[in-house]
Amino acid sequence: MLHRLTHLKDCFEVYALVPGLLREEVRVQSDPVGRLVISGQPEQLDNPWGLSPFKKVQHPTTKLKINKLDSKPFVIKVVSLPSRIDPHQTSAVVTLHGQLFVRVPFEQPSL
């Protein structure tokens, strides 16, 4: 899965390709320390795109990618962002053409 990370004034924007997955089959999770997890699972295992369950995890220090067959939902990508974020304001959109756009606002300082 290709992805692009853009650093803007108030947020990060992540663009990724998730071909062959429907909007309902893609899940985006984020946590305050700056980790964004994009996962998905095709509902039909005999889908016309040839997708099968697997895991793809990128180790944060070595950047080594590991693929494993698995019958559980698979992790497509783990993106470590360089600063703390606001996970409650994170938003994601999947297009009909398999494009994922995620907006991840920076954590606001407490007053």
Protein backbone atom coordinates (compact mmCIF):
# COMPACT_ATOMS: atom_id res chain seq x y z
CA MET A 1 0.00 0.00 0.00
CA LEU A 2 1.44 3.33 -1.01
CA HIS A 3 1.01 6.26 1.32
CA ARG A 4 2.01 9.90 1.52
CA LEU A 5 2.29 11.99 4.67
CA THR A 6 1.93 15.78 4.48
CA HIS A 7 2.72 18.10 7.42
CA LEU A 8 0.46 21.17 7.45
CA LYS A 9 0.14 24.10 9.87
CA ASP A 10 -2.47 22.46 12.11
CA CYS A 11 -2.51 18.77 11.13
CA PHE A 12 -1.03 15.84 9.27
CA GLU A 13 -2.69 14.56 6.12
CA VAL A 14 -2.20 10.95 5.09
CA TYR A 15 -3.10 9.70 1.63
CA ALA A 16 -3.10 5.94 1.05
CA LEU A 17 -4.28 3.44 -1.53
CA VAL A 18 -6.58 0.64 -0.34
CA PRO A 19 -7.60 -0.94 -3.67
CA GLY A 20 -10.27 -3.62 -3.63
CA LEU A 21 -11.61 -2.65 -0.20
CA LEU A 22 -14.98 -1.03 0.36
CA ARG A 23 -15.48 1.86 2.78
CA GLU A 24 -17.04 -0.55 5.30
CA GLU A 25 -13.99 -2.84 5.10
CA VAL A 26 -11.42 -0.16 6.05
CA ARG A 27 -10.76 0.93 9.64
CA VAL A 28 -8.57 3.83 10.83
CA GLN A 29 -7.44 4.12 14.46
CA SER A 30 -5.23 6.74 16.09
CA ASP A 31 -3.77 7.35 19.53
CA PRO A 32 -2.42 10.50 21.23
CA VAL A 33 1.27 9.51 20.92
CA GLY A 34 1.02 9.82 17.14
CA ARG A 35 0.38 6.30 15.87
CA LEU A 36 -2.10 5.84 13.01
CA VAL A 37 -3.23 2.28 12.20
CA ILE A 38 -4.98 1.60 8.89
CA SER A 39 -6.56 -1.85 8.73
CA GLY A 40 -9.02 -3.68 6.58
CA GLN A 41 -10.63 -7.03 5.85
CA PRO A 42 -12.49 -7.98 2.67
CA GLU A 43 -15.97 -9.28 3.55
CA GLN A 44 -15.87 -11.77 0.68
CA LEU A 45 -12.82 -14.01 0.81
CA ASP A 46 -13.44 -15.01 -2.83
CA ASN A 47 -13.60 -11.39 -4.00
CA PRO A 48 -12.88 -10.52 -7.65
CA TRP A 49 -9.76 -8.51 -6.70
CA GLY A 50 -7.91 -11.52 -5.30
CA LEU A 51 -7.47 -10.01 -1.84
CA SER A 52 -6.87 -12.51 0.94
CA PRO A 53 -6.45 -12.02 4.68
CA PHE A 54 -2.88 -11.17 5.66
CA LYS A 55 -0.98 -8.93 8.04
CA LYS A 56 1.51 -6.29 7.03
CA VAL A 57 3.28 -4.63 9.93
CA GLN A 58 6.09 -2.13 9.63
CA HIS A 59 8.54 -2.30 12.53
CA PRO A 60 9.06 1.29 13.81
CA THR A 61 12.87 1.20 14.02
CA THR A 62 13.99 -1.20 11.30
CA LYS A 63 11.16 -0.41 8.84
CA LEU A 64 11.06 -4.16 8.13
CA LYS A 65 7.75 -5.27 6.61
CA ILE A 66 6.36 -8.67 7.60
CA ASN A 67 3.56 -10.42 5.70
CA LYS A 68 1.70 -13.31 7.34
CA LEU A 69 -1.39 -15.23 6.31
CA ASP A 70 -4.08 -14.79 8.91
CA SER A 71 -7.82 -15.38 9.16
CA LYS A 72 -8.30 -12.32 11.39
CA PRO A 73 -8.60 -8.71 10.20
CA PHE A 74 -5.27 -7.60 8.82
CA VAL A 75 -3.25 -4.48 9.49
CA ILE A 76 -2.41 -2.73 6.26
CA LYS A 77 -0.18 0.02 7.60
CA VAL A 78 1.06 1.52 10.86
CA VAL A 79 2.15 5.14 10.45
CA SER A 80 4.19 6.72 13.27
CA LEU A 81 3.64 10.47 13.20
CA PRO A 82 6.40 12.75 14.54
CA SER A 83 4.30 14.52 17.19
CA ARG A 84 1.32 14.07 19.49
CA ILE A 85 -2.12 14.19 17.88
CA ASP A 86 -5.79 14.59 18.81
CA PRO A 87 -7.31 11.15 18.13
CA HIS A 88 -10.85 12.41 18.80
CA GLN A 89 -10.67 14.86 15.88
CA THR A 90 -9.12 12.43 13.36
CA SER A 91 -11.29 11.97 10.26
CA ALA A 92 -11.04 9.58 7.31
CA VAL A 93 -12.68 9.21 3.90
CA VAL A 94 -12.44 6.27 1.46
CA THR A 95 -13.35 6.91 -2.18
CA LEU A 96 -14.98 4.45 -4.57
CA HIS A 97 -11.61 4.18 -6.33
CA GLY A 98 -9.73 2.81 -3.30
CA GLN A 99 -8.17 6.05 -2.13
CA LEU A 100 -7.99 6.84 1.60
CA PHE A 101 -7.59 10.37 2.96
CA VAL A 102 -6.98 10.85 6.71
CA ARG A 103 -6.79 14.23 8.48
CA VAL A 104 -5.01 14.05 11.85
CA PRO A 105 -5.02 17.30 13.88
CA PHE A 106 -2.17 18.09 16.28
CA GLU A 107 -2.83 17.85 20.01
CA GLN A 108 -3.84 21.26 21.38
CA PRO A 109 -2.05 22.44 24.54
CA SER A 110 -4.16 22.34 27.71
CA LEU A 111 -5.05 25.70 29.21
